[in-house]
Amino acid sequence: MGWSPSDKAAYSEQFRLYVGAPVWAHKGFLGKIYPPKTKPGDFLEHYARSFNCIELNSTFYGVPNVERIERWCEQVGPGFRFCPKATREITHNAGALPRREVAEFFRAIETFGDKLGACFFQFPPEFGPKHWRHLRDLLRLFPRERQTAVELRHPGWFETRSAQEWLLNLGIETNNLFVISDTAGRRDVLHSCFPFPHAFVRFSGDALAESDFTRLDAWIRALRYLQVQGLQESYFFVHQESEDNCVELAEYLGENMPEARLPPVTRVRVREQLALW
């Protein structure tokens, strides 16, 4: 790691874990954490009772207007964080640097105010080490005061120690996190290149197979270790092919890592379901 806190005990007490799913507008949450007849306009309010952040993928197609962002912020509590995904014009064009698009994106997301979490930049699988100069110059455009996290899905970035050291140094230079991708059946992009007391993890499960929970156990141990070492904050996004299965993963994390002070997952009780029908 590129940081070494002088008072690890103090840093440990500040640890904050944000756990979220990639979507709130999912009908599979109905009857699970949303009452069965919940209107779509109220989904986010119910989502925020069980999760404390959201991987905001809709911004990949265009940043929403001020009014919509303000409406979203009104539906969540003060400790909730939105992690907007950068627009495709920024991440899916390895030609000229998207200076205007970067400026517009960061200007637009200011509306989230204190509910803004880490901004998420996901590059396509074909974006590999041959694009190193573009990656370096692009990250230098990002405002240093904004927390940013970049996901690189080409295995070439992590094949050698020298490549990982280059990424680590680039992260230190530009104040950027590199997303840690933990995907079932794929370990070639799982890395430890995060140079700050912050981490951004995307955990992809396998339909609640036993291995999902074994891998979560490993992450719980890792987060506890890193907390002692100085980790202050981590975003942990859980993915499943059927997104409603994210609920079980969030529950497991909350029950087995109480020191993270996660919001309790709010399950719809059977008698509430019967009353609403």
Protein backbone atom coordinates (compact mmCIF):
# COMPACT_ATOMS: atom_id res chain seq x y z
CA MET A 1 0.00 0.00 0.00
CA GLY A 2 1.04 3.59 -0.54
CA TRP A 3 0.01 4.90 2.88
CA SER A 4 1.13 4.19 6.44
CA PRO A 5 -0.99 5.91 9.12
CA SER A 6 0.87 6.90 12.26
CA ASP A 7 -2.01 6.07 14.59
CA LYS A 8 -3.68 2.89 13.34
CA ALA A 9 -6.00 2.61 16.33
CA ALA A 10 -7.52 6.02 15.60
CA TYR A 11 -7.94 5.17 11.93
CA SER A 12 -9.61 1.87 12.85
CA GLU A 13 -12.31 3.66 14.84
CA GLN A 14 -13.18 5.78 11.80
CA PHE A 15 -13.86 2.78 9.55
CA ARG A 16 -16.98 3.11 7.42
CA LEU A 17 -18.38 0.43 5.11
CA TYR A 18 -20.90 1.26 2.39
CA VAL A 19 -22.78 -1.71 0.92
CA GLY A 20 -25.01 -1.37 -2.12
CA ALA A 21 -26.53 -3.00 -5.18
CA PRO A 22 -26.30 -1.85 -8.82
CA VAL A 23 -29.99 -0.89 -9.07
CA TRP A 24 -32.95 0.12 -6.95
CA ALA A 25 -35.66 -0.06 -9.65
CA HIS A 26 -35.86 -3.85 -9.54
CA LYS A 27 -39.21 -5.62 -9.26
CA GLY A 28 -37.53 -8.59 -7.62
CA PHE A 29 -37.22 -6.48 -4.46
CA LEU A 30 -41.04 -6.37 -4.21
CA GLY A 31 -42.20 -8.60 -1.38
CA LYS A 32 -38.60 -8.91 -0.20
CA ILE A 33 -37.52 -5.45 0.96
CA TYR A 34 -40.27 -3.45 -0.76
CA PRO A 35 -43.92 -3.98 0.23
CA PRO A 36 -45.67 -5.84 -2.64
CA LYS A 37 -47.65 -2.86 -3.92
CA THR A 38 -44.89 -0.26 -3.67
CA LYS A 39 -45.01 2.25 -6.53
CA PRO A 40 -41.84 2.61 -8.64
CA GLY A 41 -41.49 6.22 -7.51
CA ASP A 42 -41.06 4.98 -3.93
CA PHE A 43 -38.54 2.23 -4.66
CA LEU A 44 -35.50 4.32 -3.77
CA GLU A 45 -36.91 5.32 -0.37
CA HIS A 46 -37.38 1.64 0.53
CA TYR A 47 -34.02 0.66 -0.97
CA ALA A 48 -32.24 3.19 1.26
CA ARG A 49 -33.64 1.47 4.37
CA SER A 50 -31.64 -1.69 3.60
CA PHE A 51 -28.56 -0.34 1.80
CA ASN A 52 -26.47 2.76 2.46
CA CYS A 53 -25.19 3.37 -1.09
CA ILE A 54 -26.05 2.68 -4.73
CA GLU A 55 -23.92 1.98 -7.78
CA LEU A 56 -25.65 4.50 -10.03
CA ASN A 57 -25.28 2.86 -13.45
CA SER A 58 -27.96 4.94 -15.19
CA THR A 59 -25.56 7.89 -15.48
CA PHE A 60 -23.51 5.87 -17.98
CA TYR A 61 -26.09 6.87 -20.61
CA GLY A 62 -26.30 10.52 -19.57
CA VAL A 63 -26.20 12.58 -16.41
CA PRO A 64 -29.69 13.33 -15.05
CA ASN A 65 -30.86 16.89 -14.63
CA VAL A 66 -30.66 18.85 -11.40
CA GLU A 67 -34.31 18.32 -10.50
CA ARG A 68 -34.06 14.54 -10.71
CA ILE A 69 -30.89 14.40 -8.64
CA GLU A 70 -32.46 16.63 -5.99
CA ARG A 71 -35.53 14.37 -5.91
CA TRP A 72 -33.33 11.31 -5.39
CA CYS A 73 -31.44 13.01 -2.57
CA GLU A 74 -34.70 13.84 -0.81
CA GLN A 75 -35.65 10.14 -0.73
CA VAL A 76 -32.61 8.92 1.21
CA GLY A 77 -31.16 9.53 4.64
CA PRO A 78 -28.12 11.71 5.48
CA GLY A 79 -25.69 8.77 5.59
CA PHE A 80 -26.56 7.48 2.12
CA ARG A 81 -24.12 7.78 -0.80
CA PHE A 82 -24.66 7.78 -4.58
CA CYS A 83 -21.75 6.47 -6.68
CA PRO A 84 -22.48 7.70 -10.22
CA LYS A 85 -20.99 5.83 -13.15
CA ALA A 86 -19.16 8.03 -15.65
CA THR A 87 -20.78 8.54 -19.04
CA ARG A 88 -19.76 6.28 -21.92
CA GLU A 89 -18.33 9.28 -23.79
CA ILE A 90 -15.61 9.37 -21.12
CA THR A 91 -14.74 5.68 -20.74
CA HIS A 92 -15.55 4.12 -24.12
CA ASN A 93 -13.54 6.37 -26.41
CA ALA A 94 -9.78 5.76 -26.41
CA GLY A 95 -9.15 8.45 -29.01
CA ALA A 96 -8.97 12.13 -28.15
CA LEU A 97 -9.19 13.04 -24.48
CA PRO A 98 -12.82 13.84 -23.55
CA ARG A 99 -11.97 17.09 -21.77
CA ARG A 100 -15.39 18.68 -22.22
CA GLU A 101 -17.26 15.51 -21.20
CA VAL A 102 -15.16 15.11 -18.06
CA ALA A 103 -15.80 18.70 -17.04
CA GLU A 104 -19.55 18.37 -17.69
CA PHE A 105 -19.80 15.12 -15.72
CA PHE A 106 -18.10 16.47 -12.61
CA ARG A 107 -20.04 19.73 -12.82
CA ALA A 108 -23.36 17.86 -13.03
CA ILE A 109 -22.77 15.54 -10.08
CA GLU A 110 -22.06 18.45 -7.74
CA THR A 111 -25.85 18.48 -7.20
CA PHE A 112 -25.53 15.34 -5.04
CA GLY A 113 -23.73 17.45 -2.42
CA ASP A 114 -22.81 15.51 0.72
CA LYS A 115 -24.62 12.43 -0.65
CA LEU A 116 -22.01 12.00 -3.39
CA GLY A 117 -19.79 8.95 -2.94
CA ALA A 118 -16.97 7.73 -5.14
CA CYS A 119 -17.45 8.33 -8.88
CA PHE A 120 -17.12 5.09 -10.84
CA PHE A 121 -15.32 4.81 -14.20
CA GLN A 122 -15.72 1.43 -15.91
CA PHE A 123 -13.59 0.83 -19.00
CA PRO A 124 -14.47 -1.78 -21.64
CA PRO A 125 -12.74 -5.20 -21.59
CA GLU A 126 -10.65 -4.35 -24.65
CA PHE A 127 -9.13 -1.30 -22.95
CA GLY A 128 -5.72 -2.78 -22.14
CA PRO A 129 -2.16 -1.73 -21.25
CA LYS A 130 -1.54 -0.45 -24.78
CA HIS A 131 -3.80 2.44 -23.76
CA TRP A 132 -1.64 3.34 -20.76
CA ARG A 133 -0.91 6.87 -21.98
CA HIS A 134 -4.62 7.61 -22.53
CA LEU A 135 -5.45 6.28 -19.04
CA ARG A 136 -2.73 8.40 -17.43
CA ASP A 137 -3.74 11.59 -19.23
CA LEU A 138 -7.44 10.99 -18.56
CA LEU A 139 -6.97 10.48 -14.83
CA ARG A 140 -4.97 13.68 -14.67
CA LEU A 141 -8.12 15.52 -15.82
CA PHE A 142 -10.11 14.41 -12.78
CA PRO A 143 -10.44 16.94 -9.94
CA ARG A 144 -8.27 15.72 -7.08
CA GLU A 145 -10.83 16.72 -4.47
CA ARG A 146 -13.31 14.21 -5.91
CA GLN A 147 -13.11 10.56 -4.92
CA THR A 148 -12.87 8.48 -8.11
CA ALA A 149 -12.62 4.75 -8.76
CA VAL A 150 -11.56 3.18 -12.07
CA GLU A 151 -12.40 -0.40 -13.08
CA LEU A 152 -10.00 -2.01 -15.56
CA ARG A 153 -11.31 -5.31 -16.96
CA HIS A 154 -8.42 -6.28 -19.23
CA PRO A 155 -6.22 -8.86 -17.39
CA GLY A 156 -3.06 -7.35 -18.90
CA TRP A 157 -3.14 -4.55 -16.33
CA PHE A 158 -2.50 -7.07 -13.53
CA GLU A 159 -0.35 -9.77 -15.13
CA THR A 160 2.98 -8.50 -13.82
CA ARG A 161 4.23 -6.88 -10.66
CA SER A 162 5.63 -3.97 -12.66
CA ALA A 163 2.21 -3.30 -14.24
CA GLN A 164 0.54 -3.28 -10.83
CA GLU A 165 3.22 -0.99 -9.41
CA TRP A 166 2.66 1.40 -12.31
CA LEU A 167 -1.07 1.49 -11.53
CA LEU A 168 -0.38 1.99 -7.84
CA ASN A 169 1.88 4.95 -8.56
CA LEU A 170 -0.64 6.40 -11.00
CA GLY A 171 -3.32 6.13 -8.34
CA ILE A 172 -1.13 7.97 -5.84
CA GLU A 173 -0.31 10.67 -8.38
CA THR A 174 -3.92 11.28 -9.44
CA ASN A 175 -5.69 10.51 -6.13
CA ASN A 176 -7.65 7.70 -7.80
CA LEU A 177 -8.79 4.27 -6.60
CA PHE A 178 -8.69 1.17 -8.79
CA VAL A 179 -11.79 -0.97 -8.43
CA ILE A 180 -11.17 -4.44 -6.98
CA SER A 181 -13.29 -6.83 -9.05
CA ASP A 182 -14.12 -10.13 -7.34
CA THR A 183 -16.05 -12.19 -9.88
CA ALA A 184 -17.04 -15.84 -9.49
CA GLY A 185 -14.95 -17.97 -11.84
CA ARG A 186 -12.63 -15.12 -12.81
CA ARG A 187 -9.58 -14.19 -10.76
CA ASP A 188 -7.38 -12.47 -13.36
CA VAL A 189 -8.55 -8.94 -12.46
CA LEU A 190 -8.56 -9.43 -8.68
CA HIS A 191 -5.82 -7.20 -7.31
CA SER A 192 -4.69 -5.08 -4.35
CA CYS A 193 -3.73 -1.81 -6.09
CA PHE A 194 -5.38 0.68 -3.76
CA PRO A 195 -2.94 3.26 -2.44
CA PHE A 196 -5.13 5.09 0.07
CA PRO A 197 -7.14 4.34 3.23
CA HIS A 198 -10.13 3.77 0.92
CA ALA A 199 -11.24 0.83 -1.24
CA PHE A 200 -13.90 0.17 -3.89
CA VAL A 201 -14.97 -3.46 -4.35
CA ARG A 202 -17.38 -4.95 -6.92
CA PHE A 203 -18.37 -8.44 -5.80
CA SER A 204 -20.18 -10.61 -8.38
CA GLY A 205 -21.93 -13.65 -6.93
CA ASP A 206 -23.04 -16.96 -8.37
CA ALA A 207 -26.78 -17.24 -7.59
CA LEU A 208 -26.16 -17.55 -3.84
CA ALA A 209 -23.99 -20.63 -4.23
CA GLU A 210 -22.03 -21.72 -1.16
CA SER A 211 -18.91 -20.20 -2.72
CA ASP A 212 -20.55 -16.74 -2.60
CA PHE A 213 -20.58 -16.86 1.19
CA THR A 214 -17.12 -18.43 1.40
CA ARG A 215 -15.80 -15.52 -0.63
CA LEU A 216 -17.69 -13.04 1.56
CA ASP A 217 -16.10 -14.65 4.63
CA ALA A 218 -12.70 -13.99 3.06
CA TRP A 219 -13.64 -10.36 2.46
CA ILE A 220 -14.86 -9.93 6.03
CA ARG A 221 -11.48 -11.17 7.28
CA ALA A 222 -9.67 -8.93 4.79
CA LEU A 223 -11.67 -5.84 5.71
CA ARG A 224 -11.05 -6.43 9.41
CA TYR A 225 -7.33 -6.78 8.77
CA LEU A 226 -7.23 -3.69 6.57
CA GLN A 227 -9.24 -1.75 9.13
CA VAL A 228 -6.49 -2.38 11.68
CA GLN A 229 -3.90 -1.41 9.07
CA GLY A 230 -5.64 1.93 8.48
CA LEU A 231 -8.52 1.39 6.06
CA GLN A 232 -11.02 4.15 6.79
CA GLU A 233 -13.71 3.64 4.19
CA SER A 234 -14.77 1.01 1.67
CA TYR A 235 -17.53 0.78 -0.91
CA PHE A 236 -18.67 -2.81 -1.40
CA PHE A 237 -21.14 -3.41 -4.23
CA VAL A 238 -22.81 -6.81 -4.47
CA HIS A 239 -23.94 -8.14 -7.84
CA GLN A 240 -26.01 -11.16 -8.83
CA GLU A 241 -27.52 -12.20 -12.14
CA SER A 242 -30.88 -11.93 -10.40
CA GLU A 243 -30.38 -8.65 -8.56
CA ASP A 244 -32.88 -9.42 -5.78
CA ASN A 245 -30.33 -11.96 -4.50
CA CYS A 246 -28.17 -9.01 -3.50
CA VAL A 247 -30.35 -8.77 -0.40
CA GLU A 248 -28.98 -12.02 1.03
CA LEU A 249 -25.39 -10.90 0.48
CA ALA A 250 -26.03 -7.56 2.21
CA GLU A 251 -27.71 -9.35 5.11
CA TYR A 252 -24.76 -11.69 5.48
CA LEU A 253 -22.28 -8.83 5.59
CA GLY A 254 -24.33 -6.93 8.14
CA GLU A 255 -24.80 -9.94 10.42
CA ASN A 256 -21.17 -11.03 10.28
CA MET A 257 -19.49 -7.63 10.42
CA PRO A 258 -21.41 -5.66 13.09
CA GLU A 259 -18.48 -3.27 13.57
CA ALA A 260 -19.27 -1.84 10.12
CA ARG A 261 -22.55 -0.43 11.49
CA LEU A 262 -24.48 -1.26 8.32
CA PRO A 263 -28.21 -0.51 8.18
CA PRO A 264 -30.23 -3.64 9.01
CA VAL A 265 -31.82 -5.13 5.91
CA THR A 266 -35.54 -4.36 6.18
CA ARG A 267 -37.40 -7.49 5.13
CA VAL A 268 -41.12 -7.35 4.38
CA ARG A 269 -42.87 -9.37 7.06
CA VAL A 270 -45.49 -11.97 6.10
CA ARG A 271 -48.33 -10.24 7.95
CA GLU A 272 -47.52 -6.96 6.19
CA GLN A 273 -47.79 -8.75 2.86
CA LEU A 274 -51.17 -10.23 3.75
CA ALA A 275 -52.49 -6.86 4.93
CA LEU A 276 -51.47 -5.18 1.69
CA TRP A 277 -53.11 -7.83 -0.41
